[in-house]
């Protein structure tokens, strides 16, 4: 039931495509802009260019979950409209968010947006030092347990609670593209949106899809690279080890907000990359949660979830960038 809208879309897309003149199978690479970022999608051995179908799919996702579109369902809900009956896309993103919210003990929380804005953590905003009273006031509107869906409508304990799926939307968009390709019996593909990735099968040379990540320990001027082999896995990264602040003692840190307490802290965890045989939405959310958890709490979480592999970049006591990885790199 919850995927009815997606299935209907696939059926309509298939009918439209069937009307087109058949061409020989070939490999396709589609590129463009979506969700405020870029995408690059490669799929092999297909007779059809699915650009129009993917554009329609992206439109459905934006219509349900984009906070940047004033007419989207989530924007209307955030603005106090209680009459919106959410669709299958919104419902699935919400339920997945709620599951990961519980798994991470609240460190992944799509309701933290107002608190982030209050601190001035936007890209061009000046940082604000909130008082304890101001933090307590903001925390009244933080916590995904304060939101539910009843009879297709979003119910909030307080109308000021702001819902934001941006930390999981790119990954979810990737997953829907993957489902579309699976429905079309495409066996080999690589989907990348804004740096989040999902891969299935292999490249044309029968080798896993190769992802190159910067090696901060490299002596090269612009950094060297390490190789990650992806096949039937997803990968997502949160944070950026190049964007940090330097304390008076020379240590590198990033500002992060603890969604459980509301307090902003200085964390030495600079970047978290997550790799797993899971949906990309899951690893997208985990990467966000790990940045909020910090290095030590993330290590504890990983002990209970050995199926999740990570590459964590952190600043050591001497201010140098180090790596903690449970993923095995390949040459």
C-alpha atoms as a PDB file:
ATOM      1  CA  UNK A   1       0.000   0.000   0.000  1.00  0.00           C
ATOM      2  CA  UNK A   2       2.640   2.539   0.971  1.00  0.00           C
ATOM      3  CA  UNK A   3       4.373   2.200  -2.379  1.00  0.00           C
ATOM      4  CA  UNK A   4       1.174   2.461  -4.428  1.00  0.00           C
ATOM      5  CA  UNK A   5       2.097   5.873  -5.779  1.00  0.00           C
ATOM      6  CA  UNK A   6       5.546   4.670  -6.828  1.00  0.00           C
ATOM      7  CA  UNK A   7       4.182   1.536  -8.492  1.00  0.00           C
ATOM      8  CA  UNK A   8       1.572   3.596 -10.337  1.00  0.00           C
ATOM      9  CA  UNK A   9       4.263   5.940 -11.540  1.00  0.00           C
ATOM     10  CA  UNK A  10       6.344   3.038 -12.819  1.00  0.00           C
ATOM     11  CA  UNK A  11       3.408   1.579 -14.725  1.00  0.00           C
ATOM     12  CA  UNK A  12       2.566   4.896 -16.383  1.00  0.00           C
ATOM     13  CA  UNK A  13       6.230   5.457 -17.209  1.00  0.00           C
ATOM     14  CA  UNK A  14       6.462   2.019 -18.803  1.00  0.00           C
ATOM     15  CA  UNK A  15       3.414   2.684 -20.996  1.00  0.00           C
ATOM     16  CA  UNK A  16       4.825   5.982 -22.205  1.00  0.00           C
ATOM     17  CA  UNK A  17       8.246   4.541 -22.900  1.00  0.00           C
ATOM     18  CA  UNK A  18       6.785   1.565 -24.762  1.00  0.00           C
ATOM     19  CA  UNK A  19       5.419   4.004 -27.321  1.00  0.00           C
ATOM     20  CA  UNK A  20       8.896   5.161 -28.218  1.00  0.00           C
ATOM     21  CA  UNK A  21      10.964   3.641 -30.959  1.00  0.00           C
ATOM     22  CA  UNK A  22      13.214   0.864 -29.673  1.00  0.00           C
ATOM     23  CA  UNK A  23      16.962   1.385 -29.759  1.00  0.00           C
ATOM     24  CA  UNK A  24      19.883  -0.929 -29.117  1.00  0.00           C
ATOM     25  CA  UNK A  25      21.038  -1.429 -25.543  1.00  0.00           C
ATOM     26  CA  UNK A  26      23.728   0.963 -24.370  1.00  0.00           C
ATOM     27  CA  UNK A  27      25.133   2.522 -21.206  1.00  0.00           C
ATOM     28  CA  UNK A  28      23.697   5.790 -19.920  1.00  0.00           C
ATOM     29  CA  UNK A  29      25.026   8.567 -17.682  1.00  0.00           C
ATOM     30  CA  UNK A  30      22.443  11.162 -16.657  1.00  0.00           C
ATOM     31  CA  UNK A  31      23.441  14.370 -14.871  1.00  0.00           C
ATOM     32  CA  UNK A  32      21.615  17.395 -13.533  1.00  0.00           C
ATOM     33  CA  UNK A  33      20.425  19.336 -10.497  1.00  0.00           C
ATOM     34  CA  UNK A  34      18.018  18.144  -7.830  1.00  0.00           C
ATOM     35  CA  UNK A  35      17.397  18.706  -4.097  1.00  0.00           C
ATOM     36  CA  UNK A  36      19.624  21.799  -4.207  1.00  0.00           C
ATOM     37  CA  UNK A  37      22.647  19.818  -5.384  1.00  0.00           C
ATOM     38  CA  UNK A  38      23.984  17.837  -8.346  1.00  0.00           C
ATOM     39  CA  UNK A  39      23.356  14.258  -9.377  1.00  0.00           C
ATOM     40  CA  UNK A  40      25.087  11.743 -11.617  1.00  0.00           C
ATOM     41  CA  UNK A  41      23.384   8.464 -12.440  1.00  0.00           C
ATOM     42  CA  UNK A  42      25.019   5.712 -14.488  1.00  0.00           C
ATOM     43  CA  UNK A  43      23.248   2.533 -15.565  1.00  0.00           C
ATOM     44  CA  UNK A  44      24.374  -0.155 -17.983  1.00  0.00           C
ATOM     45  CA  UNK A  45      22.889  -2.189 -20.816  1.00  0.00           C
ATOM     46  CA  UNK A  46      19.540  -0.483 -21.303  1.00  0.00           C
ATOM     47  CA  UNK A  47      17.547   0.365 -24.413  1.00  0.00           C
ATOM     48  CA  UNK A  48      15.891   3.358 -22.775  1.00  0.00           C
ATOM     49  CA  UNK A  49      16.937   6.796 -21.599  1.00  0.00           C
ATOM     50  CA  UNK A  50      14.976   7.238 -18.366  1.00  0.00           C
ATOM     51  CA  UNK A  51      15.687  10.958 -17.902  1.00  0.00           C
ATOM     52  CA  UNK A  52      12.027  11.992 -18.146  1.00  0.00           C
ATOM     53  CA  UNK A  53      10.960   9.241 -15.755  1.00  0.00           C
ATOM     54  CA  UNK A  54      13.567  10.245 -13.172  1.00  0.00           C
ATOM     55  CA  UNK A  55      12.607  13.912 -13.475  1.00  0.00           C
ATOM     56  CA  UNK A  56       9.017  12.931 -12.688  1.00  0.00           C
ATOM     57  CA  UNK A  57      10.175  10.854  -9.729  1.00  0.00           C
ATOM     58  CA  UNK A  58      12.241  13.746  -8.339  1.00  0.00           C
ATOM     59  CA  UNK A  59       9.190  15.986  -8.692  1.00  0.00           C
ATOM     60  CA  UNK A  60       7.133  13.597  -6.563  1.00  0.00           C
ATOM     61  CA  UNK A  61       9.796  13.563  -3.840  1.00  0.00           C
ATOM     62  CA  UNK A  62      10.097  17.360  -3.810  1.00  0.00           C
ATOM     63  CA  UNK A  63       6.326  17.771  -3.686  1.00  0.00           C
ATOM     64  CA  UNK A  64       6.213  15.669  -0.533  1.00  0.00           C
ATOM     65  CA  UNK A  65       9.374  16.513   1.410  1.00  0.00           C
ATOM     66  CA  UNK A  66      11.141  19.686   0.224  1.00  0.00           C
ATOM     67  CA  UNK A  67      11.265  22.498   2.778  1.00  0.00           C
ATOM     68  CA  UNK A  68      12.533  24.795   0.009  1.00  0.00           C
ATOM     69  CA  UNK A  69       9.251  24.572  -1.927  1.00  0.00           C
ATOM     70  CA  UNK A  70       6.456  26.552  -0.271  1.00  0.00           C
ATOM     71  CA  UNK A  71       3.740  24.405  -1.853  1.00  0.00           C
ATOM     72  CA  UNK A  72       5.179  21.052  -0.733  1.00  0.00           C
ATOM     73  CA  UNK A  73       3.327  18.963   1.823  1.00  0.00           C
ATOM     74  CA  UNK A  74       6.043  19.373   4.442  1.00  0.00           C
ATOM     75  CA  UNK A  75       6.116  23.170   4.025  1.00  0.00           C
ATOM     76  CA  UNK A  76       2.351  23.384   4.408  1.00  0.00           C
ATOM     77  CA  UNK A  77       2.517  21.171   7.506  1.00  0.00           C
ATOM     78  CA  UNK A  78       5.303  23.302   9.001  1.00  0.00           C
ATOM     79  CA  UNK A  79       3.173  26.384   8.353  1.00  0.00           C
ATOM     80  CA  UNK A  80       0.325  24.940  10.391  1.00  0.00           C
ATOM     81  CA  UNK A  81      -1.898  23.289   7.785  1.00  0.00           C
ATOM     82  CA  UNK A  82      -3.482  20.322   9.578  1.00  0.00           C
ATOM     83  CA  UNK A  83      -5.625  19.228   6.631  1.00  0.00           C
ATOM     84  CA  UNK A  84      -2.824  17.741   4.520  1.00  0.00           C
ATOM     85  CA  UNK A  85      -3.160  14.011   3.865  1.00  0.00           C
ATOM     86  CA  UNK A  86       0.400  12.864   3.279  1.00  0.00           C
ATOM     87  CA  UNK A  87       1.343  10.489   0.477  1.00  0.00           C
ATOM     88  CA  UNK A  88       3.315   7.238   0.467  1.00  0.00           C
ATOM     89  CA  UNK A  89       6.638   9.025   0.002  1.00  0.00           C
ATOM     90  CA  UNK A  90       6.159  11.310   3.012  1.00  0.00           C
ATOM     91  CA  UNK A  91       4.896   8.430   5.143  1.00  0.00           C
ATOM     92  CA  UNK A  92       7.853   6.195   4.350  1.00  0.00           C
ATOM     93  CA  UNK A  93      10.422   8.937   5.000  1.00  0.00           C
ATOM     94  CA  UNK A  94       8.694   9.715   8.304  1.00  0.00           C
ATOM     95  CA  UNK A  95       8.562   6.080   9.445  1.00  0.00           C
ATOM     96  CA  UNK A  96      12.188   5.496   8.474  1.00  0.00           C
ATOM     97  CA  UNK A  97      13.211   8.667  10.318  1.00  0.00           C
ATOM     98  CA  UNK A  98      11.320   7.528  13.403  1.00  0.00           C
ATOM     99  CA  UNK A  99      13.037   4.125  13.354  1.00  0.00           C
ATOM    100  CA  UNK A 100      16.520   5.626  13.077  1.00  0.00           C
ATOM    101  CA  UNK A 101      15.623   8.266  15.676  1.00  0.00           C
ATOM    102  CA  UNK A 102      14.965   5.409  18.105  1.00  0.00           C
ATOM    103  CA  UNK A 103      18.001   3.363  17.008  1.00  0.00           C
ATOM    104  CA  UNK A 104      20.341   6.318  17.570  1.00  0.00           C
ATOM    105  CA  UNK A 105      18.689   7.300  20.862  1.00  0.00           C
ATOM    106  CA  UNK A 106      17.564  10.616  19.403  1.00  0.00           C
ATOM    107  CA  UNK A 107      20.849  11.727  17.857  1.00  0.00           C
ATOM    108  CA  UNK A 108      19.183  11.665  14.452  1.00  0.00           C
ATOM    109  CA  UNK A 109      16.289  14.064  14.840  1.00  0.00           C
ATOM    110  CA  UNK A 110      14.460  15.776  11.945  1.00  0.00           C
ATOM    111  CA  UNK A 111      12.859  18.254  14.381  1.00  0.00           C
ATOM    112  CA  UNK A 112      16.112  19.975  15.377  1.00  0.00           C
ATOM    113  CA  UNK A 113      15.929  22.592  12.584  1.00  0.00           C
ATOM    114  CA  UNK A 114      14.537  25.479  14.634  1.00  0.00           C
ATOM    115  CA  UNK A 115      17.245  24.996  17.247  1.00  0.00           C
ATOM    116  CA  UNK A 116      19.938  24.991  14.551  1.00  0.00           C
ATOM    117  CA  UNK A 117      18.546  28.238  13.158  1.00  0.00           C
ATOM    118  CA  UNK A 118      18.391  29.791  16.627  1.00  0.00           C
ATOM    119  CA  UNK A 119      22.116  29.139  17.049  1.00  0.00           C
ATOM    120  CA  UNK A 120      22.745  30.726  13.645  1.00  0.00           C
ATOM    121  CA  UNK A 121      24.370  27.591  12.241  1.00  0.00           C
ATOM    122  CA  UNK A 122      23.240  28.388   8.707  1.00  0.00           C
ATOM    123  CA  UNK A 123      25.930  28.812   6.033  1.00  0.00           C
ATOM    124  CA  UNK A 124      25.996  32.618   6.191  1.00  0.00           C
ATOM    125  CA  UNK A 125      24.661  33.340   9.665  1.00  0.00           C
ATOM    126  CA  UNK A 126      26.671  34.592  12.602  1.00  0.00           C
ATOM    127  CA  UNK A 127      26.870  32.262  15.590  1.00  0.00           C
ATOM    128  CA  UNK A 128      24.564  33.069  18.509  1.00  0.00           C
ATOM    129  CA  UNK A 129      25.319  32.211  22.121  1.00  0.00           C
ATOM    130  CA  UNK A 130      21.987  31.054  23.502  1.00  0.00           C
ATOM    131  CA  UNK A 131      21.240  31.243  27.204  1.00  0.00           C
ATOM    132  CA  UNK A 132      20.141  28.146  29.081  1.00  0.00           C
ATOM    133  CA  UNK A 133      16.623  29.575  29.243  1.00  0.00           C
ATOM    134  CA  UNK A 134      16.569  30.126  25.480  1.00  0.00           C
ATOM    135  CA  UNK A 135      17.759  26.566  24.888  1.00  0.00           C
ATOM    136  CA  UNK A 136      15.064  25.164  27.179  1.00  0.00           C
ATOM    137  CA  UNK A 137      12.457  27.181  25.301  1.00  0.00           C
ATOM    138  CA  UNK A 138      13.643  25.815  21.946  1.00  0.00           C
ATOM    139  CA  UNK A 139      13.761  22.234  23.238  1.00  0.00           C
ATOM    140  CA  UNK A 140       9.996  22.319  23.756  1.00  0.00           C
ATOM    141  CA  UNK A 141       9.763  21.935  19.980  1.00  0.00           C
ATOM    142  CA  UNK A 142      12.490  19.286  19.535  1.00  0.00           C
ATOM    143  CA  UNK A 143      11.887  15.535  19.580  1.00  0.00           C
ATOM    144  CA  UNK A 144      10.446  13.316  16.868  1.00  0.00           C
ATOM    145  CA  UNK A 145       8.355  11.499  19.480  1.00  0.00           C
ATOM    146  CA  UNK A 146       6.237  14.663  19.557  1.00  0.00           C
ATOM    147  CA  UNK A 147       4.982  13.992  16.017  1.00  0.00           C
ATOM    148  CA  UNK A 148       2.847  11.149  14.674  1.00  0.00           C
ATOM    149  CA  UNK A 149       0.728  10.309  11.645  1.00  0.00           C
ATOM    150  CA  UNK A 150      -2.927   9.507  12.273  1.00  0.00           C
ATOM    151  CA  UNK A 151      -5.374   8.697   9.475  1.00  0.00           C
ATOM    152  CA  UNK A 152      -2.901  10.052   6.961  1.00  0.00           C
ATOM    153  CA  UNK A 153      -2.456  13.401   8.688  1.00  0.00           C
ATOM    154  CA  UNK A 154       0.536  14.693  10.659  1.00  0.00           C
ATOM    155  CA  UNK A 155      -0.241  15.344  14.314  1.00  0.00           C
ATOM    156  CA  UNK A 156       2.127  17.604  16.298  1.00  0.00           C
ATOM    157  CA  UNK A 157       2.093  18.143  20.059  1.00  0.00           C
ATOM    158  CA  UNK A 158       2.834  21.801  19.356  1.00  0.00           C
ATOM    159  CA  UNK A 159       2.203  23.622  16.055  1.00  0.00           C
ATOM    160  CA  UNK A 160       5.636  25.292  16.329  1.00  0.00           C
ATOM    161  CA  UNK A 161       7.452  21.970  15.850  1.00  0.00           C
ATOM    162  CA  UNK A 162       9.365  22.152  12.575  1.00  0.00           C
ATOM    163  CA  UNK A 163       9.960  19.010  10.526  1.00  0.00           C
ATOM    164  CA  UNK A 164      12.936  18.822   8.164  1.00  0.00           C
ATOM    165  CA  UNK A 165      13.919  15.692   6.204  1.00  0.00           C
ATOM    166  CA  UNK A 166      16.944  17.251   4.474  1.00  0.00           C
ATOM    167  CA  UNK A 167      19.372  14.963   6.331  1.00  0.00           C
ATOM    168  CA  UNK A 168      17.714  11.889   4.831  1.00  0.00           C
ATOM    169  CA  UNK A 169      16.061  13.145   1.627  1.00  0.00           C
ATOM    170  CA  UNK A 170      19.013  12.706  -0.726  1.00  0.00           C
ATOM    171  CA  UNK A 171      19.501   9.131   0.394  1.00  0.00           C
ATOM    172  CA  UNK A 172      15.799   8.406   0.053  1.00  0.00           C
ATOM    173  CA  UNK A 173      15.750   9.897  -3.429  1.00  0.00           C
ATOM    174  CA  UNK A 174      18.592   7.576  -4.374  1.00  0.00           C
ATOM    175  CA  UNK A 175      16.659   4.602  -2.998  1.00  0.00           C
ATOM    176  CA  UNK A 176      13.605   5.403  -5.105  1.00  0.00           C
ATOM    177  CA  UNK A 177      15.753   5.639  -8.234  1.00  0.00           C
ATOM    178  CA  UNK A 178      17.255   2.258  -7.296  1.00  0.00           C
ATOM    179  CA  UNK A 179      13.777   0.741  -6.899  1.00  0.00           C
ATOM    180  CA  UNK A 180      12.810   2.138 -10.285  1.00  0.00           C
ATOM    181  CA  UNK A 181      15.877   0.539 -11.898  1.00  0.00           C
ATOM    182  CA  UNK A 182      15.221  -2.756 -10.118  1.00  0.00           C
ATOM    183  CA  UNK A 183      11.662  -2.718 -11.477  1.00  0.00           C
ATOM    184  CA  UNK A 184      13.127  -2.240 -14.956  1.00  0.00           C
ATOM    185  CA  UNK A 185      15.480  -5.220 -14.439  1.00  0.00           C
ATOM    186  CA  UNK A 186      18.609  -3.057 -14.639  1.00  0.00           C
ATOM    187  CA  UNK A 187      21.338  -5.078 -12.941  1.00  0.00           C
ATOM    188  CA  UNK A 188      24.246  -2.620 -12.832  1.00  0.00           C
ATOM    189  CA  UNK A 189      24.012   1.003 -11.759  1.00  0.00           C
ATOM    190  CA  UNK A 190      25.652   3.760  -9.718  1.00  0.00           C
ATOM    191  CA  UNK A 191      23.446   6.529  -8.330  1.00  0.00           C
ATOM    192  CA  UNK A 192      25.011   9.640  -6.774  1.00  0.00           C
ATOM    193  CA  UNK A 193      23.148  12.666  -5.450  1.00  0.00           C
ATOM    194  CA  UNK A 194      25.092  15.350  -3.606  1.00  0.00           C
ATOM    195  CA  UNK A 195      27.866  12.936  -2.659  1.00  0.00           C
ATOM    196  CA  UNK A 196      25.568  10.198  -1.332  1.00  0.00           C
ATOM    197  CA  UNK A 197      25.850   6.978  -3.321  1.00  0.00           C
ATOM    198  CA  UNK A 198      24.188   3.636  -3.956  1.00  0.00           C
ATOM    199  CA  UNK A 199      25.661   0.983  -6.225  1.00  0.00           C
ATOM    200  CA  UNK A 200      24.413  -2.310  -7.596  1.00  0.00           C
ATOM    201  CA  UNK A 201      26.297  -4.927  -9.573  1.00  0.00           C
ATOM    202  CA  UNK A 202      29.534  -3.983 -11.294  1.00  0.00           C
ATOM    203  CA  UNK A 203      31.066  -1.705 -13.870  1.00  0.00           C
ATOM    204  CA  UNK A 204      31.329  -2.817 -17.479  1.00  0.00           C
ATOM    205  CA  UNK A 205      34.671  -4.520 -16.724  1.00  0.00           C
ATOM    206  CA  UNK A 206      32.938  -6.729 -14.120  1.00  0.00           C
ATOM    207  CA  UNK A 207      34.746  -4.944 -11.269  1.00  0.00           C
ATOM    208  CA  UNK A 208      32.976  -3.181  -8.384  1.00  0.00           C
ATOM    209  CA  UNK A 209      32.118   0.468  -8.783  1.00  0.00           C
ATOM    210  CA  UNK A 210      35.122   2.516  -7.641  1.00  0.00           C
ATOM    211  CA  UNK A 211      34.663   5.531  -5.375  1.00  0.00           C
ATOM    212  CA  UNK A 212      37.650   7.743  -4.604  1.00  0.00           C
ATOM    213  CA  UNK A 213      37.796   9.579  -1.290  1.00  0.00           C
ATOM    214  CA  UNK A 214      40.370  12.090  -0.138  1.00  0.00           C
ATOM    215  CA  UNK A 215      43.130  10.759   2.101  1.00  0.00           C
ATOM    216  CA  UNK A 216      43.866  13.544   4.631  1.00  0.00           C
ATOM    217  CA  UNK A 217      47.094  11.827   5.673  1.00  0.00           C
ATOM    218  CA  UNK A 218      48.540  12.095   2.161  1.00  0.00           C
ATOM    219  CA  UNK A 219      51.590  14.263   1.718  1.00  0.00           C
ATOM    220  CA  UNK A 220      50.339  15.512  -1.645  1.00  0.00           C
ATOM    221  CA  UNK A 221      49.519  19.210  -1.782  1.00  0.00           C
ATOM    222  CA  UNK A 222      45.834  18.700  -2.569  1.00  0.00           C
ATOM    223  CA  UNK A 223      45.519  15.399  -0.778  1.00  0.00           C
ATOM    224  CA  UNK A 224      45.817  11.910  -2.188  1.00  0.00           C
ATOM    225  CA  UNK A 225      42.991   9.450  -2.605  1.00  0.00           C
ATOM    226  CA  UNK A 226      41.852   6.127  -1.250  1.00  0.00           C
ATOM    227  CA  UNK A 227      39.648   3.719  -3.138  1.00  0.00           C
ATOM    228  CA  UNK A 228      36.308   2.365  -1.958  1.00  0.00           C
ATOM    229  CA  UNK A 229      34.737  -0.537  -3.815  1.00  0.00           C
ATOM    230  CA  UNK A 230      30.949  -0.425  -3.833  1.00  0.00           C
ATOM    231  CA  UNK A 231      28.710  -3.231  -5.002  1.00  0.00           C
ATOM    232  CA  UNK A 232      25.197  -3.686  -3.616  1.00  0.00           C
ATOM    233  CA  UNK A 233      25.968  -1.098  -0.941  1.00  0.00           C
ATOM    234  CA  UNK A 234      25.217   2.508  -0.061  1.00  0.00           C
ATOM    235  CA  UNK A 235      27.543   5.242   1.163  1.00  0.00           C
ATOM    236  CA  UNK A 236      26.902   8.648   2.721  1.00  0.00           C
ATOM    237  CA  UNK A 237      29.095  11.303   4.318  1.00  0.00           C
ATOM    238  CA  UNK A 238      28.318  14.019   6.840  1.00  0.00           C
ATOM    239  CA  UNK A 239      30.684  16.810   7.819  1.00  0.00           C
ATOM    240  CA  UNK A 240      33.759  18.047   6.006  1.00  0.00           C
ATOM    241  CA  UNK A 241      37.211  17.629   7.497  1.00  0.00           C
ATOM    242  CA  UNK A 242      38.433  20.713   5.606  1.00  0.00           C
ATOM    243  CA  UNK A 243      35.844  22.954   7.285  1.00  0.00           C
ATOM    244  CA  UNK A 244      36.848  23.261  10.913  1.00  0.00           C
ATOM    245  CA  UNK A 245      37.811  25.855  13.485  1.00  0.00           C
ATOM    246  CA  UNK A 246      41.142  26.022  15.274  1.00  0.00           C
ATOM    247  CA  UNK A 247      41.224  26.596  19.021  1.00  0.00           C
ATOM    248  CA  UNK A 248      43.899  28.617  20.832  1.00  0.00           C
ATOM    249  CA  UNK A 249      45.774  25.397  21.609  1.00  0.00           C
ATOM    250  CA  UNK A 250      45.873  24.461  17.914  1.00  0.00           C
ATOM    251  CA  UNK A 251      43.267  21.693  18.105  1.00  0.00           C
ATOM    252  CA  UNK A 252      40.773  21.385  15.272  1.00  0.00           C
ATOM    253  CA  UNK A 253      37.075  21.118  16.035  1.00  0.00           C
ATOM    254  CA  UNK A 254      33.629  21.587  14.531  1.00  0.00           C
ATOM    255  CA  UNK A 255      30.520  23.001  16.157  1.00  0.00           C
ATOM    256  CA  UNK A 256      27.738  20.489  16.620  1.00  0.00           C
ATOM    257  CA  UNK A 257      24.410  20.516  18.423  1.00  0.00           C
ATOM    258  CA  UNK A 258      23.341  17.748  20.751  1.00  0.00           C
ATOM    259  CA  UNK A 259      19.658  17.248  19.826  1.00  0.00           C
ATOM    260  CA  UNK A 260      19.060  15.512  23.168  1.00  0.00           C
ATOM    261  CA  UNK A 261      20.217  18.424  25.340  1.00  0.00           C
ATOM    262  CA  UNK A 262      20.047  21.365  22.949  1.00  0.00           C
ATOM    263  CA  UNK A 263      23.548  22.513  23.841  1.00  0.00           C
ATOM    264  CA  UNK A 264      26.156  23.333  21.209  1.00  0.00           C
ATOM    265  CA  UNK A 265      29.503  21.658  21.741  1.00  0.00           C
ATOM    266  CA  UNK A 266      32.922  21.515  20.130  1.00  0.00           C
ATOM    267  CA  UNK A 267      33.520  18.094  18.595  1.00  0.00           C
ATOM    268  CA  UNK A 268      36.783  16.642  17.319  1.00  0.00           C
ATOM    269  CA  UNK A 269      34.862  14.400  14.892  1.00  0.00           C
ATOM    270  CA  UNK A 270      35.286  16.253  11.607  1.00  0.00           C
ATOM    271  CA  UNK A 271      33.696  13.871   9.109  1.00  0.00           C
ATOM    272  CA  UNK A 272      31.725  10.614   9.119  1.00  0.00           C
ATOM    273  CA  UNK A 273      31.371   8.347   6.077  1.00  0.00           C
ATOM    274  CA  UNK A 274      29.058   5.358   6.426  1.00  0.00           C
ATOM    275  CA  UNK A 275      29.026   2.272   4.185  1.00  0.00           C
ATOM    276  CA  UNK A 276      26.519  -0.567   4.495  1.00  0.00           C
ATOM    277  CA  UNK A 277      24.344  -3.015   2.589  1.00  0.00           C
ATOM    278  CA  UNK A 278      21.338  -0.908   3.509  1.00  0.00           C
ATOM    279  CA  UNK A 279      19.146   1.732   1.938  1.00  0.00           C
ATOM    280  CA  UNK A 280      21.005   4.951   1.214  1.00  0.00           C
ATOM    281  CA  UNK A 281      18.484   6.821   3.361  1.00  0.00           C
ATOM    282  CA  UNK A 282      19.630   4.746   6.334  1.00  0.00           C
ATOM    283  CA  UNK A 283      23.339   5.447   5.905  1.00  0.00           C
ATOM    284  CA  UNK A 284      22.531   9.107   5.196  1.00  0.00           C
ATOM    285  CA  UNK A 285      20.756   9.360   8.545  1.00  0.00           C
ATOM    286  CA  UNK A 286      23.444   7.404  10.404  1.00  0.00           C
ATOM    287  CA  UNK A 287      26.153   9.757   9.109  1.00  0.00           C
ATOM    288  CA  UNK A 288      24.200  12.729  10.450  1.00  0.00           C
ATOM    289  CA  UNK A 289      23.649  10.991  13.795  1.00  0.00           C
ATOM    290  CA  UNK A 290      27.334  10.117  14.182  1.00  0.00           C
ATOM    291  CA  UNK A 291      28.374  13.752  13.771  1.00  0.00           C
ATOM    292  CA  UNK A 292      26.011  14.630  16.619  1.00  0.00           C
ATOM    293  CA  UNK A 293      27.185  11.676  18.746  1.00  0.00           C
ATOM    294  CA  UNK A 294      30.876  12.445  18.476  1.00  0.00           C
ATOM    295  CA  UNK A 295      33.730   9.971  18.135  1.00  0.00           C
ATOM    296  CA  UNK A 296      33.432   7.881  21.296  1.00  0.00           C
ATOM    297  CA  UNK A 297      29.647   7.454  21.265  1.00  0.00           C
ATOM    298  CA  UNK A 298      29.849   6.489  17.589  1.00  0.00           C
ATOM    299  CA  UNK A 299      32.405   3.787  18.395  1.00  0.00           C
ATOM    300  CA  UNK A 300      30.073   2.402  21.065  1.00  0.00           C
ATOM    301  CA  UNK A 301      27.162   2.409  18.623  1.00  0.00           C
ATOM    302  CA  UNK A 302      29.226   0.550  16.019  1.00  0.00           C
ATOM    303  CA  UNK A 303      30.020  -2.245  18.477  1.00  0.00           C
ATOM    304  CA  UNK A 304      26.306  -3.065  18.490  1.00  0.00           C
ATOM    305  CA  UNK A 305      25.978  -2.660  14.706  1.00  0.00           C
ATOM    306  CA  UNK A 306      28.854  -4.531  13.045  1.00  0.00           C
ATOM    307  CA  UNK A 307      26.963  -4.457   9.737  1.00  0.00           C
ATOM    308  CA  UNK A 308      27.747  -0.735   9.484  1.00  0.00           C
ATOM    309  CA  UNK A 309      31.221   0.261   8.261  1.00  0.00           C
ATOM    310  CA  UNK A 310      32.642   3.739   8.757  1.00  0.00           C
ATOM    311  CA  UNK A 311      35.490   6.054   7.892  1.00  0.00           C
ATOM    312  CA  UNK A 312      35.741   8.688  10.620  1.00  0.00           C
ATOM    313  CA  UNK A 313      38.106  11.652  10.416  1.00  0.00           C
ATOM    314  CA  UNK A 314      38.909  13.330  13.723  1.00  0.00           C
ATOM    315  CA  UNK A 315      41.369  15.759  15.245  1.00  0.00           C
ATOM    316  CA  UNK A 316      43.809  14.198  17.714  1.00  0.00           C
ATOM    317  CA  UNK A 317      45.177  15.861  20.842  1.00  0.00           C
ATOM    318  CA  UNK A 318      47.987  17.425  18.810  1.00  0.00           C
ATOM    319  CA  UNK A 319      45.606  18.936  16.271  1.00  0.00           C
ATOM    320  CA  UNK A 320      46.404  16.534  13.433  1.00  0.00           C
ATOM    321  CA  UNK A 321      43.671  14.878  11.391  1.00  0.00           C
ATOM    322  CA  UNK A 322      43.517  11.135  11.997  1.00  0.00           C
ATOM    323  CA  UNK A 323      41.333   8.365  10.655  1.00  0.00           C
ATOM    324  CA  UNK A 324      39.322   5.688  12.417  1.00  0.00           C
ATOM    325  CA  UNK A 325      38.003   3.145   9.931  1.00  0.00           C
ATOM    326  CA  UNK A 326      36.192  -0.159  10.179  1.00  0.00           C
ATOM    327  CA  UNK A 327      36.059  -0.277   6.379  1.00  0.00           C
ATOM    328  CA  UNK A 328      38.878  -2.142   4.599  1.00  0.00           C
ATOM    329  CA  UNK A 329      40.323  -0.020   1.804  1.00  0.00           C
ATOM    330  CA  UNK A 330      41.288  -1.463  -1.589  1.00  0.00           C
ATOM    331  CA  UNK A 331      44.188  -0.587  -3.839  1.00  0.00           C
END
